[in-house]
C-alpha cells in the first residue's frame, strides 16, 4: 500500500502556479498511477487542509539530445492541480514563495 508521501512527489513552483496560490490552488507532481481520490486524501493528510477539487494531467517527457548522441527522452510524469475549500487554511509551505 502506498503512503501519502509516495503519491505526492514534489510541489511545482513556477510563476503561474504561484499566482494561483492566492485563489487556494496548488500544483504538485504526483505518482503517475495515482488517481484523484488518492491525491485528495494524500494532500489532506500531509498538509491538514480540506480539498474541494483535484484536476490531473499527464505530461509527456521532452525529447532531448546531447551532442551527436542519438535522441533520448525525459520521463513522462503526472501533474495535479488541487483547489482547497474556501473555509480551509492555506498550505504554509507556499507562504514564503510569493
N, C-alpha and C. Protein backbone atom coordinates (compact mmCIF):
# COMPACT_ATOMS: atom_id res chain seq x y z
N UNK A 1 0.83 -1.19 0.00
CA UNK A 1 0.00 0.00 0.00
C UNK A 1 0.88 1.26 0.00
N UNK A 2 0.50 2.24 -0.81
CA UNK A 2 1.27 3.47 -0.93
C UNK A 2 0.92 4.43 0.20
N UNK A 3 1.92 5.14 0.68
CA UNK A 3 1.68 6.18 1.67
C UNK A 3 1.42 7.50 0.95
N UNK A 4 1.02 8.51 1.71
CA UNK A 4 0.76 9.83 1.13
C UNK A 4 2.02 10.41 0.51
N UNK A 5 3.16 10.11 1.11
CA UNK A 5 4.43 10.64 0.59
C UNK A 5 4.88 9.92 -0.67
N UNK A 6 4.35 8.74 -0.95
CA UNK A 6 4.62 8.06 -2.22
C UNK A 6 3.79 8.67 -3.35
N UNK A 7 2.64 9.22 -3.02
CA UNK A 7 1.73 9.79 -4.02
C UNK A 7 2.15 11.20 -4.40
N UNK A 8 2.39 12.07 -3.41
CA UNK A 8 2.82 13.45 -3.67
C UNK A 8 4.35 13.45 -3.77
N UNK A 9 4.89 13.70 -4.96
CA UNK A 9 6.33 13.65 -5.17
C UNK A 9 6.98 14.98 -4.82
N UNK A 10 6.49 16.08 -5.41
CA UNK A 10 7.07 17.39 -5.11
C UNK A 10 6.11 18.48 -5.57
N UNK A 11 6.22 19.68 -4.98
CA UNK A 11 5.41 20.81 -5.46
C UNK A 11 6.01 21.38 -6.74
N UNK A 12 5.15 21.95 -7.57
CA UNK A 12 5.60 22.62 -8.79
C UNK A 12 5.62 24.12 -8.50
N UNK A 13 6.82 24.72 -8.54
CA UNK A 13 6.98 26.13 -8.19
C UNK A 13 7.32 26.89 -9.47
N UNK A 14 6.32 27.53 -10.05
CA UNK A 14 6.52 28.37 -11.23
C UNK A 14 5.78 29.68 -11.00
N UNK A 15 6.01 30.65 -11.87
CA UNK A 15 5.31 31.93 -11.75
C UNK A 15 3.81 31.74 -11.81
N UNK A 16 3.38 30.96 -12.77
CA UNK A 16 1.95 30.76 -12.97
C UNK A 16 1.32 30.03 -11.78
N UNK A 17 1.99 29.03 -11.24
CA UNK A 17 1.42 28.29 -10.12
C UNK A 17 1.42 29.14 -8.84
N UNK A 18 2.38 30.04 -8.69
CA UNK A 18 2.43 30.89 -7.50
C UNK A 18 1.33 31.95 -7.52
N UNK A 19 0.93 32.40 -8.71
CA UNK A 19 -0.18 33.34 -8.82
C UNK A 19 -1.49 32.69 -8.37
N UNK A 20 -1.63 31.40 -8.60
CA UNK A 20 -2.85 30.68 -8.25
C UNK A 20 -2.97 30.40 -6.75
N UNK A 21 -1.88 30.54 -5.99
CA UNK A 21 -1.96 30.25 -4.56
C UNK A 21 -2.87 31.23 -3.85
N UNK A 22 -3.05 32.44 -4.38
CA UNK A 22 -3.97 33.41 -3.80
C UNK A 22 -5.41 32.91 -3.87
N UNK A 23 -5.72 32.08 -4.87
CA UNK A 23 -7.06 31.52 -5.02
C UNK A 23 -7.16 30.14 -4.37
N UNK A 24 -6.15 29.78 -3.56
CA UNK A 24 -6.07 28.49 -2.88
C UNK A 24 -6.00 27.33 -3.87
N UNK A 25 -5.22 27.52 -4.95
CA UNK A 25 -4.96 26.45 -5.91
C UNK A 25 -3.47 26.15 -5.87
N UNK A 26 -3.14 24.88 -5.76
CA UNK A 26 -1.75 24.45 -5.63
C UNK A 26 -1.46 23.36 -6.65
N UNK A 27 -0.20 23.27 -7.10
CA UNK A 27 0.19 22.32 -8.14
C UNK A 27 1.28 21.40 -7.60
N UNK A 28 1.12 20.10 -7.85
CA UNK A 28 2.07 19.10 -7.38
C UNK A 28 2.39 18.12 -8.49
N UNK A 29 3.61 17.58 -8.45
CA UNK A 29 3.94 16.42 -9.27
C UNK A 29 3.56 15.20 -8.44
N UNK A 30 2.80 14.29 -9.03
CA UNK A 30 2.30 13.13 -8.29
C UNK A 30 2.71 11.84 -9.00
N UNK A 31 2.52 10.73 -8.31
CA UNK A 31 2.81 9.42 -8.90
C UNK A 31 1.95 9.22 -10.14
N UNK A 32 2.53 8.64 -11.16
CA UNK A 32 1.84 8.54 -12.46
C UNK A 32 0.62 7.61 -12.39
N UNK A 33 0.59 6.69 -11.42
CA UNK A 33 -0.54 5.76 -11.31
C UNK A 33 -1.54 6.18 -10.23
N UNK A 34 -1.36 7.36 -9.64
CA UNK A 34 -2.28 7.83 -8.59
C UNK A 34 -3.55 8.40 -9.22
N UNK A 35 -4.70 8.15 -8.57
CA UNK A 35 -5.95 8.72 -9.06
C UNK A 35 -6.34 9.93 -8.22
N UNK A 36 -7.43 10.60 -8.60
CA UNK A 36 -7.81 11.85 -7.94
C UNK A 36 -8.18 11.64 -6.47
N UNK A 37 -8.80 10.54 -6.15
CA UNK A 37 -9.20 10.26 -4.76
C UNK A 37 -7.97 10.07 -3.89
N UNK A 38 -6.98 9.33 -4.38
CA UNK A 38 -5.74 9.12 -3.63
C UNK A 38 -4.99 10.43 -3.44
N UNK A 39 -4.97 11.27 -4.48
CA UNK A 39 -4.28 12.56 -4.39
C UNK A 39 -4.96 13.45 -3.36
N UNK A 40 -6.29 13.49 -3.37
CA UNK A 40 -7.04 14.29 -2.41
C UNK A 40 -6.74 13.86 -0.97
N UNK A 41 -6.78 12.57 -0.71
CA UNK A 41 -6.50 12.06 0.64
C UNK A 41 -5.07 12.34 1.06
N UNK A 42 -4.12 12.23 0.13
CA UNK A 42 -2.72 12.47 0.44
C UNK A 42 -2.47 13.93 0.81
N UNK A 43 -3.04 14.87 0.06
CA UNK A 43 -2.86 16.29 0.35
C UNK A 43 -3.50 16.64 1.69
N UNK A 44 -4.68 16.11 1.94
CA UNK A 44 -5.36 16.37 3.22
C UNK A 44 -4.56 15.81 4.40
N UNK A 45 -3.95 14.64 4.21
CA UNK A 45 -3.17 14.02 5.28
C UNK A 45 -1.86 14.77 5.54
N UNK A 46 -1.14 15.12 4.49
CA UNK A 46 0.17 15.75 4.65
C UNK A 46 0.05 17.18 5.18
N UNK A 47 -0.86 17.98 4.61
CA UNK A 47 -0.92 19.40 4.92
C UNK A 47 -2.04 19.77 5.90
N UNK A 48 -2.95 18.86 6.21
CA UNK A 48 -4.03 19.15 7.14
C UNK A 48 -5.01 20.19 6.63
N UNK A 49 -5.40 20.09 5.36
CA UNK A 49 -6.33 21.03 4.75
C UNK A 49 -7.53 20.26 4.19
N UNK A 50 -8.55 20.99 3.71
CA UNK A 50 -9.71 20.38 3.07
C UNK A 50 -9.63 20.65 1.57
N UNK A 51 -9.67 19.59 0.78
CA UNK A 51 -9.56 19.70 -0.68
C UNK A 51 -10.95 19.69 -1.29
N UNK A 52 -11.21 20.68 -2.16
CA UNK A 52 -12.50 20.76 -2.84
C UNK A 52 -12.48 19.99 -4.16
N UNK A 53 -11.41 20.18 -4.95
CA UNK A 53 -11.36 19.61 -6.29
C UNK A 53 -9.94 19.28 -6.68
N UNK A 54 -9.78 18.22 -7.47
CA UNK A 54 -8.46 17.83 -7.99
C UNK A 54 -8.58 17.65 -9.50
N UNK A 55 -7.70 18.32 -10.24
CA UNK A 55 -7.58 18.13 -11.69
C UNK A 55 -6.21 17.53 -11.96
N UNK A 56 -6.15 16.57 -12.88
CA UNK A 56 -4.87 15.94 -13.21
C UNK A 56 -4.61 16.01 -14.70
N UNK A 57 -3.33 15.96 -15.04
CA UNK A 57 -2.93 15.93 -16.45
C UNK A 57 -1.63 15.13 -16.55
N UNK A 58 -1.53 14.31 -17.56
CA UNK A 58 -0.30 13.54 -17.80
C UNK A 58 0.59 14.34 -18.74
N UNK A 59 1.81 14.60 -18.30
CA UNK A 59 2.76 15.40 -19.06
C UNK A 59 3.72 14.46 -19.78
N UNK A 60 3.89 14.69 -21.07
CA UNK A 60 4.80 13.86 -21.85
C UNK A 60 6.22 14.37 -21.69
N UNK A 61 7.17 13.44 -21.52
CA UNK A 61 8.58 13.82 -21.37
C UNK A 61 9.12 14.44 -22.64
N UNK A 62 10.01 15.40 -22.49
CA UNK A 62 10.60 16.09 -23.63
C UNK A 62 11.65 15.22 -24.32
N UNK A 63 11.78 15.40 -25.62
CA UNK A 63 12.86 14.77 -26.37
C UNK A 63 14.12 15.58 -26.16
N UNK A 64 15.21 14.92 -25.81
CA UNK A 64 16.48 15.60 -25.54
C UNK A 64 17.61 14.91 -26.28
N UNK A 65 18.65 15.67 -26.60
CA UNK A 65 19.85 15.08 -27.18
C UNK A 65 21.05 15.82 -26.65
N UNK A 66 22.17 15.15 -26.68
CA UNK A 66 23.41 15.74 -26.17
C UNK A 66 24.50 15.48 -27.21
N UNK A 67 24.89 16.52 -27.88
CA UNK A 67 25.92 16.38 -28.90
C UNK A 67 25.44 15.52 -30.06
N UNK A 68 26.31 14.59 -30.49
CA UNK A 68 25.99 13.74 -31.63
C UNK A 68 25.28 12.46 -31.20
N UNK A 69 25.06 12.30 -29.92
CA UNK A 69 24.40 11.09 -29.42
C UNK A 69 22.97 11.02 -29.93
N UNK A 70 22.42 9.83 -30.06
CA UNK A 70 21.03 9.72 -30.51
C UNK A 70 20.07 10.34 -29.49
N UNK A 71 18.93 10.73 -30.00
CA UNK A 71 17.95 11.43 -29.18
C UNK A 71 17.37 10.52 -28.10
N UNK A 72 17.22 11.05 -26.90
CA UNK A 72 16.60 10.31 -25.81
C UNK A 72 15.37 11.06 -25.34
N UNK A 73 14.73 10.56 -24.28
CA UNK A 73 13.53 11.21 -23.77
C UNK A 73 13.60 11.34 -22.26
N UNK A 74 13.04 12.42 -21.74
CA UNK A 74 12.84 12.52 -20.30
C UNK A 74 11.61 11.69 -19.95
N UNK A 75 11.48 11.37 -18.68
CA UNK A 75 10.38 10.51 -18.25
C UNK A 75 9.04 11.25 -18.32
N UNK A 76 7.96 10.52 -18.61
CA UNK A 76 6.62 11.06 -18.53
C UNK A 76 6.28 11.24 -17.05
N UNK A 77 5.42 12.22 -16.73
CA UNK A 77 5.05 12.46 -15.35
C UNK A 77 3.62 12.98 -15.28
N UNK A 78 3.08 13.05 -14.06
CA UNK A 78 1.70 13.47 -13.87
C UNK A 78 1.65 14.69 -12.97
N UNK A 79 0.81 15.66 -13.35
CA UNK A 79 0.66 16.90 -12.59
C UNK A 79 -0.75 16.96 -12.03
N UNK A 80 -0.88 17.41 -10.78
CA UNK A 80 -2.19 17.56 -10.15
C UNK A 80 -2.37 19.00 -9.70
N UNK A 81 -3.50 19.61 -10.08
CA UNK A 81 -3.87 20.94 -9.62
C UNK A 81 -4.95 20.75 -8.55
N UNK A 82 -4.66 21.21 -7.34
CA UNK A 82 -5.53 20.97 -6.20
C UNK A 82 -6.14 22.30 -5.75
N UNK A 83 -7.47 22.34 -5.63
CA UNK A 83 -8.15 23.54 -5.13
C UNK A 83 -8.72 23.24 -3.75
N UNK A 84 -8.43 24.11 -2.80
CA UNK A 84 -8.89 23.94 -1.43
C UNK A 84 -10.26 24.61 -1.25
N UNK A 85 -10.99 24.18 -0.23
CA UNK A 85 -12.28 24.80 0.07
C UNK A 85 -12.04 26.22 0.59
N UNK A 86 -13.08 27.06 0.53
CA UNK A 86 -12.93 28.45 0.94
C UNK A 86 -12.70 28.59 2.45
N UNK A 87 -13.19 27.64 3.26
CA UNK A 87 -13.01 27.73 4.70
C UNK A 87 -11.74 27.01 5.18
N UNK A 88 -10.99 26.41 4.28
CA UNK A 88 -9.77 25.69 4.63
C UNK A 88 -8.62 26.66 4.83
N UNK A 89 -7.65 26.27 5.66
CA UNK A 89 -6.45 27.10 5.81
C UNK A 89 -5.55 26.91 4.59
N UNK A 90 -4.60 27.81 4.41
CA UNK A 90 -3.68 27.71 3.28
C UNK A 90 -2.56 26.72 3.62
N UNK A 91 -1.82 26.31 2.60
CA UNK A 91 -0.68 25.43 2.81
C UNK A 91 0.51 26.31 3.13
N UNK A 92 1.08 26.14 4.32
CA UNK A 92 2.14 27.02 4.80
C UNK A 92 3.43 26.91 3.99
N UNK A 93 3.64 25.77 3.35
CA UNK A 93 4.86 25.56 2.57
C UNK A 93 5.01 26.62 1.49
N UNK A 94 3.90 27.06 0.90
CA UNK A 94 3.93 28.02 -0.21
C UNK A 94 3.92 29.47 0.25
N UNK A 95 3.77 29.75 1.53
CA UNK A 95 3.61 31.11 2.03
C UNK A 95 4.81 32.01 1.71
N UNK A 96 6.03 31.57 1.93
CA UNK A 96 7.19 32.41 1.70
C UNK A 96 7.62 32.50 0.25
N UNK A 97 7.00 31.77 -0.64
CA UNK A 97 7.42 31.71 -2.03
C UNK A 97 6.93 32.90 -2.85
N UNK A 98 5.82 33.49 -2.49
CA UNK A 98 5.19 34.53 -3.32
C UNK A 98 5.86 35.86 -3.11
